[in-house]
N, C-alpha and C. Protein backbone atom coordinates (compact mmCIF):
# COMPACT_ATOMS: atom_id res chain seq x y z
N MET A 1 5.58 7.41 0.52
CA MET A 1 5.56 6.15 -0.39
C MET A 1 4.21 5.70 -0.32
N LYS A 2 3.60 5.65 1.31
CA LYS A 2 2.29 5.20 1.41
C LYS A 2 1.32 5.91 0.36
N ALA A 3 1.22 7.19 0.24
CA ALA A 3 0.27 7.84 -0.64
C ALA A 3 0.37 7.47 -1.93
N LEU A 4 1.48 7.00 -2.37
CA LEU A 4 1.96 6.72 -3.77
C LEU A 4 1.26 5.19 -3.72
N ARG A 5 1.46 4.43 -3.11
CA ARG A 5 1.16 2.92 -3.11
C ARG A 5 -0.40 3.06 -3.26
N ALA A 6 -1.19 3.87 -2.23
CA ALA A 6 -2.55 3.97 -2.31
C ALA A 6 -2.80 4.41 -3.81
N LEU A 7 -2.15 5.58 -4.34
CA LEU A 7 -2.53 6.02 -5.64
C LEU A 7 -2.72 4.78 -6.53
N ALA A 8 -1.44 4.08 -6.53
CA ALA A 8 -1.21 3.07 -7.54
C ALA A 8 -2.61 2.04 -7.54
N ILE A 9 -3.07 1.73 -6.16
CA ILE A 9 -4.44 0.66 -6.00
C ILE A 9 -5.42 1.39 -6.65
N VAL A 10 -5.67 2.60 -6.09
CA VAL A 10 -6.83 3.29 -6.54
C VAL A 10 -6.81 3.37 -8.15
N LEU A 11 -5.70 3.68 -8.91
CA LEU A 11 -5.92 3.87 -10.07
C LEU A 11 -6.09 2.53 -10.53
N GLY A 12 -5.28 1.40 -10.38
CA GLY A 12 -5.68 0.15 -10.78
C GLY A 12 -7.03 -0.08 -10.68
N VAL A 13 -7.66 0.09 -9.81
CA VAL A 13 -9.14 -0.39 -9.63
C VAL A 13 -9.88 0.62 -10.77
N VAL A 14 -9.52 1.83 -10.88
CA VAL A 14 -10.32 2.75 -11.66
C VAL A 14 -10.11 2.39 -13.30
N ILE A 15 -8.72 1.97 -13.38
CA ILE A 15 -8.68 1.68 -14.75
C ILE A 15 -9.37 0.32 -15.18
N ILE A 16 -9.25 -0.75 -14.31
CA ILE A 16 -9.95 -2.02 -14.59
C ILE A 16 -11.51 -1.83 -14.75
N GLY A 17 -11.88 -1.07 -13.58
CA GLY A 17 -13.18 -0.71 -13.70
C GLY A 17 -13.77 -0.09 -14.83
N GLY A 18 -13.24 0.93 -15.10
CA GLY A 18 -13.54 1.80 -16.48
C GLY A 18 -13.42 1.18 -17.66
N GLU A 19 -12.35 0.23 -17.80
CA GLU A 19 -12.24 -0.66 -19.01
C GLU A 19 -13.40 -1.58 -19.17
N LEU A 20 -13.65 -2.20 -18.05
CA LEU A 20 -14.69 -3.30 -18.19
C LEU A 20 -16.18 -2.84 -18.23
N PHE A 21 -16.46 -1.38 -17.76
CA PHE A 21 -17.47 -0.66 -17.96
C PHE A 21 -17.66 -0.33 -19.33
N ARG A 22 -16.41 0.11 -20.08
CA ARG A 22 -16.45 0.56 -21.40
C ARG A 22 -16.61 -0.57 -22.45
N SER A 23 -15.86 -1.63 -22.14
CA SER A 23 -15.95 -2.74 -23.27
C SER A 23 -16.53 -3.84 -23.02
N TRP A 24 -17.15 -4.16 -21.96
CA TRP A 24 -17.93 -5.39 -21.66
C TRP A 24 -18.90 -5.54 -22.90
N GLY A 25 -18.59 -6.74 -23.47
CA GLY A 25 -19.39 -7.16 -24.51
C GLY A 25 -19.37 -6.27 -25.78
N GLU A 26 -18.32 -5.31 -25.88
CA GLU A 26 -18.75 -4.35 -27.06
C GLU A 26 -17.27 -4.69 -27.89
N ARG A 27 -16.19 -5.04 -27.39
CA ARG A 27 -14.98 -5.06 -27.85
C ARG A 27 -14.17 -6.02 -27.81
N ALA A 28 -13.38 -6.71 -28.84
CA ALA A 28 -12.45 -7.77 -28.51
C ALA A 28 -11.47 -7.67 -27.48
N TRP A 29 -11.11 -8.71 -26.76
CA TRP A 29 -10.55 -8.93 -25.61
C TRP A 29 -8.87 -8.05 -25.91
N ALA A 30 -8.65 -8.23 -27.11
CA ALA A 30 -7.27 -7.71 -27.67
C ALA A 30 -7.09 -6.24 -27.42
N TRP A 31 -8.47 -5.42 -27.50
CA TRP A 31 -8.35 -4.09 -27.41
C TRP A 31 -8.44 -3.53 -26.06
N TRP A 32 -8.73 -4.46 -25.03
CA TRP A 32 -8.74 -4.20 -23.57
C TRP A 32 -7.79 -4.91 -22.51
N ILE A 33 -7.38 -5.82 -23.22
CA ILE A 33 -6.36 -6.67 -22.11
C ILE A 33 -5.19 -6.00 -21.44
N ASP A 34 -4.84 -4.99 -22.13
CA ASP A 34 -3.51 -4.22 -21.92
C ASP A 34 -3.89 -3.19 -20.53
N ASP A 35 -5.17 -2.81 -20.62
CA ASP A 35 -5.67 -2.00 -19.41
C ASP A 35 -5.81 -2.71 -18.44
N ILE A 36 -6.38 -4.10 -18.58
CA ILE A 36 -6.42 -4.77 -17.20
C ILE A 36 -5.18 -5.19 -16.86
N LEU A 37 -4.13 -5.53 -17.69
CA LEU A 37 -2.76 -5.81 -17.21
C LEU A 37 -1.88 -4.60 -16.40
N VAL A 38 -2.36 -3.56 -16.79
CA VAL A 38 -1.73 -2.24 -16.07
C VAL A 38 -2.31 -2.10 -14.81
N GLY A 39 -3.70 -2.44 -14.78
CA GLY A 39 -4.54 -2.15 -13.32
C GLY A 39 -4.05 -3.38 -12.56
N LEU A 40 -3.86 -4.52 -12.96
CA LEU A 40 -3.34 -5.69 -11.93
C LEU A 40 -1.98 -5.37 -11.43
N ALA A 41 -1.01 -4.87 -12.41
CA ALA A 41 0.17 -4.54 -12.32
C ALA A 41 0.37 -3.53 -11.00
N LEU A 42 -0.48 -2.54 -10.98
CA LEU A 42 -0.45 -1.35 -10.40
C LEU A 42 -0.93 -1.94 -8.89
N ILE A 43 -1.95 -2.39 -8.81
CA ILE A 43 -2.53 -3.07 -7.80
C ILE A 43 -1.67 -4.10 -7.01
N ALA A 44 -1.11 -4.94 -7.63
CA ALA A 44 -0.13 -6.09 -7.22
C ALA A 44 1.00 -5.43 -6.53
N THR A 45 1.80 -4.61 -7.25
CA THR A 45 2.79 -3.84 -6.85
C THR A 45 2.79 -2.79 -5.67
N GLY A 46 1.40 -2.27 -5.82
CA GLY A 46 1.13 -1.29 -4.63
C GLY A 46 0.90 -2.03 -3.41
N ALA A 47 0.20 -3.35 -3.45
CA ALA A 47 -0.03 -3.94 -2.19
C ALA A 47 1.41 -4.87 -1.72
N LEU A 48 2.26 -5.24 -2.41
CA LEU A 48 3.59 -5.74 -2.34
C LEU A 48 4.44 -4.83 -1.39
N LEU A 49 4.34 -3.81 -1.77
CA LEU A 49 5.31 -2.60 -0.93
C LEU A 49 5.01 -2.47 0.45
N THR A 50 4.05 -3.08 1.03
CA THR A 50 3.86 -3.19 2.45
C THR A 50 5.19 -3.46 3.09
N ASN A 51 5.88 -4.47 2.34
CA ASN A 51 7.32 -4.50 2.84
C ASN A 51 8.21 -4.23 1.74
N GLU A 52 8.80 -3.14 1.83
CA GLU A 52 9.42 -2.48 0.83
C GLU A 52 10.86 -3.39 0.82
N THR A 53 11.33 -3.80 -0.35
CA THR A 53 12.70 -4.41 -0.72
C THR A 53 12.96 -3.69 -1.94
N PHE A 54 14.41 -3.83 -2.63
CA PHE A 54 14.78 -3.27 -3.66
C PHE A 54 13.98 -4.06 -4.95
N ALA A 55 14.00 -5.36 -4.64
CA ALA A 55 12.86 -6.05 -5.84
C ALA A 55 11.68 -5.52 -6.09
N ARG A 56 10.99 -5.28 -4.88
CA ARG A 56 9.49 -4.89 -5.02
C ARG A 56 9.38 -3.28 -5.50
N ARG A 57 10.44 -2.42 -4.99
CA ARG A 57 10.62 -1.18 -5.31
C ARG A 57 10.66 -1.10 -7.00
N ALA A 58 11.56 -1.82 -7.41
CA ALA A 58 11.81 -2.00 -9.14
C ALA A 58 10.60 -2.40 -9.70
N LEU A 59 9.90 -3.30 -9.13
CA LEU A 59 8.71 -3.85 -10.05
C LEU A 59 7.50 -2.94 -9.79
N PHE A 60 7.45 -2.06 -8.67
CA PHE A 60 6.53 -0.90 -8.49
C PHE A 60 6.93 0.12 -9.65
N ALA A 61 8.14 0.49 -9.62
CA ALA A 61 8.52 1.64 -10.71
C ALA A 61 8.30 0.87 -12.16
N GLY A 62 8.33 -0.26 -12.24
CA GLY A 62 8.17 -0.97 -13.78
C GLY A 62 6.44 -0.62 -14.00
N ALA A 63 5.76 -1.11 -12.95
CA ALA A 63 4.40 -0.91 -13.11
C ALA A 63 4.06 0.28 -13.42
N TRP A 64 4.65 1.31 -12.70
CA TRP A 64 4.10 2.77 -13.04
C TRP A 64 4.36 3.05 -14.48
N GLY A 65 5.85 2.69 -14.96
CA GLY A 65 6.26 3.00 -16.32
C GLY A 65 5.47 2.24 -17.44
N PHE A 66 5.12 0.95 -17.11
CA PHE A 66 4.06 0.33 -17.94
C PHE A 66 2.87 0.91 -18.21
N SER A 67 2.56 1.47 -17.02
CA SER A 67 0.97 2.25 -17.06
C SER A 67 1.36 3.57 -17.98
N VAL A 68 2.45 4.07 -17.84
CA VAL A 68 2.55 5.40 -18.75
C VAL A 68 2.79 5.13 -20.41
N GLY A 69 3.31 3.92 -20.46
CA GLY A 69 3.43 3.41 -21.91
C GLY A 69 1.86 3.14 -22.64
N VAL A 70 1.27 2.24 -21.55
CA VAL A 70 -0.13 1.73 -22.22
C VAL A 70 -0.96 3.00 -22.44
N ILE A 71 -0.84 4.00 -21.45
CA ILE A 71 -2.18 4.93 -21.50
C ILE A 71 -1.46 6.03 -22.52
N TYR A 72 -0.22 6.27 -22.75
CA TYR A 72 0.26 7.03 -23.85
C TYR A 72 -0.27 6.73 -25.02
N ILE A 73 -0.15 5.48 -25.21
CA ILE A 73 -0.60 4.99 -26.69
C ILE A 73 -2.20 5.16 -26.72
N SER A 74 -2.77 4.92 -25.67
CA SER A 74 -4.51 5.11 -25.65
C SER A 74 -4.79 6.58 -25.87
N PHE A 75 -4.27 7.40 -25.11
CA PHE A 75 -4.44 8.72 -25.22
C PHE A 75 -4.19 9.36 -26.62
N PHE A 76 -3.16 8.99 -27.11
CA PHE A 76 -2.74 9.53 -28.60
C PHE A 76 -3.46 8.96 -29.53
N ASP A 77 -4.09 7.49 -29.40
CA ASP A 77 -4.86 6.85 -30.24
C ASP A 77 -5.99 7.72 -30.35
N LYS A 78 -6.63 8.20 -29.30
CA LYS A 78 -8.14 8.86 -29.06
C LYS A 78 -7.95 10.26 -29.52
N VAL A 79 -6.62 10.89 -29.33
CA VAL A 79 -6.72 12.32 -29.94
C VAL A 79 -6.47 12.52 -31.47
N VAL A 80 -5.22 11.54 -31.78
CA VAL A 80 -4.92 11.96 -33.12
C VAL A 80 -5.78 11.34 -34.20
N GLY A 81 -6.45 10.13 -33.92
CA GLY A 81 -7.28 9.56 -34.85
C GLY A 81 -8.45 10.36 -34.99
N PRO A 82 -9.07 10.90 -34.10
CA PRO A 82 -10.46 11.56 -34.20
C PRO A 82 -10.15 13.08 -35.08
N VAL A 83 -8.59 13.54 -34.97
CA VAL A 83 -8.47 14.72 -35.53
C VAL A 83 -8.78 14.68 -36.84
N LEU A 84 -8.54 13.66 -37.76
CA LEU A 84 -9.09 13.24 -39.02
C LEU A 84 -10.29 13.42 -39.25
N MET A 85 -11.40 13.20 -38.30
CA MET A 85 -12.67 13.58 -38.21
C MET A 85 -13.23 15.13 -38.22
N GLY A 86 -12.22 15.84 -38.01
CA GLY A 86 -12.95 17.33 -38.06
C GLY A 86 -12.56 18.05 -36.64
N PRO A 87 -12.64 19.30 -36.72
CA PRO A 87 -12.33 19.86 -35.28
C PRO A 87 -13.24 19.57 -34.31
N GLY A 88 -12.35 19.39 -32.98
CA GLY A 88 -13.37 19.15 -31.80
C GLY A 88 -13.80 17.58 -31.65
N ALA A 89 -13.32 16.96 -32.65
CA ALA A 89 -13.67 15.22 -32.36
C ALA A 89 -12.99 14.83 -31.43
N ALA A 90 -11.67 15.48 -31.44
CA ALA A 90 -10.66 14.43 -30.09
C ALA A 90 -10.73 15.06 -28.77
N PHE A 91 -11.58 15.87 -28.64
CA PHE A 91 -11.91 16.47 -27.21
C PHE A 91 -13.42 15.98 -26.59
N ASN A 92 -13.48 14.74 -26.13
CA ASN A 92 -14.58 14.43 -25.27
C ASN A 92 -14.33 14.02 -24.14
N ARG A 93 -15.14 13.41 -23.38
CA ARG A 93 -15.27 13.03 -21.88
C ARG A 93 -14.02 11.79 -21.66
N LEU A 94 -14.11 11.16 -22.58
CA LEU A 94 -13.17 9.81 -22.51
C LEU A 94 -11.67 10.18 -22.79
N ASN A 95 -11.56 11.10 -23.67
CA ASN A 95 -10.32 11.52 -23.78
C ASN A 95 -9.73 12.36 -22.75
N VAL A 96 -10.45 13.32 -22.23
CA VAL A 96 -10.14 14.00 -21.01
C VAL A 96 -9.83 13.00 -19.64
N PHE A 97 -10.56 12.16 -19.51
CA PHE A 97 -10.48 11.13 -18.49
C PHE A 97 -8.99 10.35 -18.76
N VAL A 98 -8.69 9.86 -19.97
CA VAL A 98 -7.52 9.22 -20.34
C VAL A 98 -6.09 10.21 -20.34
N GLY A 99 -6.37 11.40 -20.47
CA GLY A 99 -5.25 12.55 -20.43
C GLY A 99 -4.94 12.73 -19.03
N LEU A 100 -6.05 12.85 -18.19
CA LEU A 100 -5.71 12.91 -16.86
C LEU A 100 -5.14 11.86 -16.17
N THR A 101 -5.57 10.51 -16.49
CA THR A 101 -5.08 9.25 -16.25
C THR A 101 -3.62 9.20 -16.56
N LEU A 102 -3.34 9.80 -17.71
CA LEU A 102 -1.84 9.89 -18.18
C LEU A 102 -1.01 10.85 -17.36
N LEU A 103 -1.63 12.07 -17.00
CA LEU A 103 -0.68 12.83 -15.92
C LEU A 103 -0.65 12.09 -14.64
N VAL A 104 -1.48 11.53 -14.14
CA VAL A 104 -1.24 10.65 -12.98
C VAL A 104 -0.34 9.65 -12.87
N ALA A 105 -0.24 8.82 -14.23
CA ALA A 105 0.64 7.79 -14.14
C ALA A 105 2.26 8.34 -14.48
N ILE A 106 2.12 9.47 -15.12
CA ILE A 106 3.56 10.09 -15.24
C ILE A 106 4.29 10.45 -13.93
N ALA A 107 3.06 11.26 -13.02
CA ALA A 107 3.47 11.58 -11.71
C ALA A 107 4.12 10.62 -10.90
N GLY A 108 3.02 9.37 -11.04
CA GLY A 108 3.32 8.00 -10.22
C GLY A 108 4.89 7.49 -10.56
N PHE A 109 4.98 7.51 -11.76
CA PHE A 109 6.09 6.98 -12.32
C PHE A 109 7.63 7.56 -11.84
N VAL A 110 7.32 9.10 -11.76
CA VAL A 110 8.39 10.07 -11.44
C VAL A 110 8.66 9.93 -9.99
N GLY A 111 7.24 9.74 -9.21
CA GLY A 111 7.57 9.72 -7.78
C GLY A 111 8.07 8.10 -7.29
N SER A 112 7.84 7.23 -8.24
CA SER A 112 8.53 5.74 -7.67
C SER A 112 9.83 5.79 -7.88
N VAL A 113 10.44 6.35 -8.79
CA VAL A 113 11.70 6.44 -9.03
C VAL A 113 12.49 7.63 -8.39
N THR A 114 11.79 8.65 -7.98
CA THR A 114 12.66 9.60 -7.11
C THR A 114 12.60 9.56 -5.61
N LEU A 115 11.30 8.99 -4.98
CA LEU A 115 11.33 8.99 -3.61
C LEU A 115 12.29 8.31 -2.73
N PRO A 116 12.97 8.50 -1.71
CA PRO A 116 13.94 7.79 -1.33
C PRO A 116 13.43 6.20 -0.90
N PHE A 117 14.54 5.24 -1.10
CA PHE A 117 14.13 4.14 -0.62
C PHE A 117 14.63 3.57 0.83
N LYS A 118 13.37 3.07 1.34
CA LYS A 118 13.83 2.79 2.68
C LYS A 118 13.49 1.26 2.92
N ASN A 119 14.57 0.64 3.23
CA ASN A 119 14.55 -0.82 3.30
C ASN A 119 14.32 -1.24 4.62
N THR A 120 13.08 -2.09 4.73
CA THR A 120 12.38 -2.43 6.05
C THR A 120 13.37 -3.19 7.07
N HIS A 121 14.28 -3.83 6.34
CA HIS A 121 15.07 -4.94 7.01
C HIS A 121 16.34 -4.37 7.56
């Protein structure tokens, strides 16, 4: 669980940093706030699990599930939309990065719900 917590925190920081780098002054807040919320949820719940309780574990799994949902939409928006522009338009560095992030989020979600619960009390 410790590795999954660390992964959540690192992924949260990467998502927030990447979105700020990509969107700072370029896009309206409505287009990037979901990524910031995902990053904050992963960081906060990863940090909260230093003391594992059932509620904190549920929040952690919820944060991973939230990240899968938001990144799924982001990935397929970037893949399906550009397909209309012609062959190869959907496969650029951003799409590859978001695709890899989606795979990590799916793995994190699966891990968060399948790893055994260890109540520290």
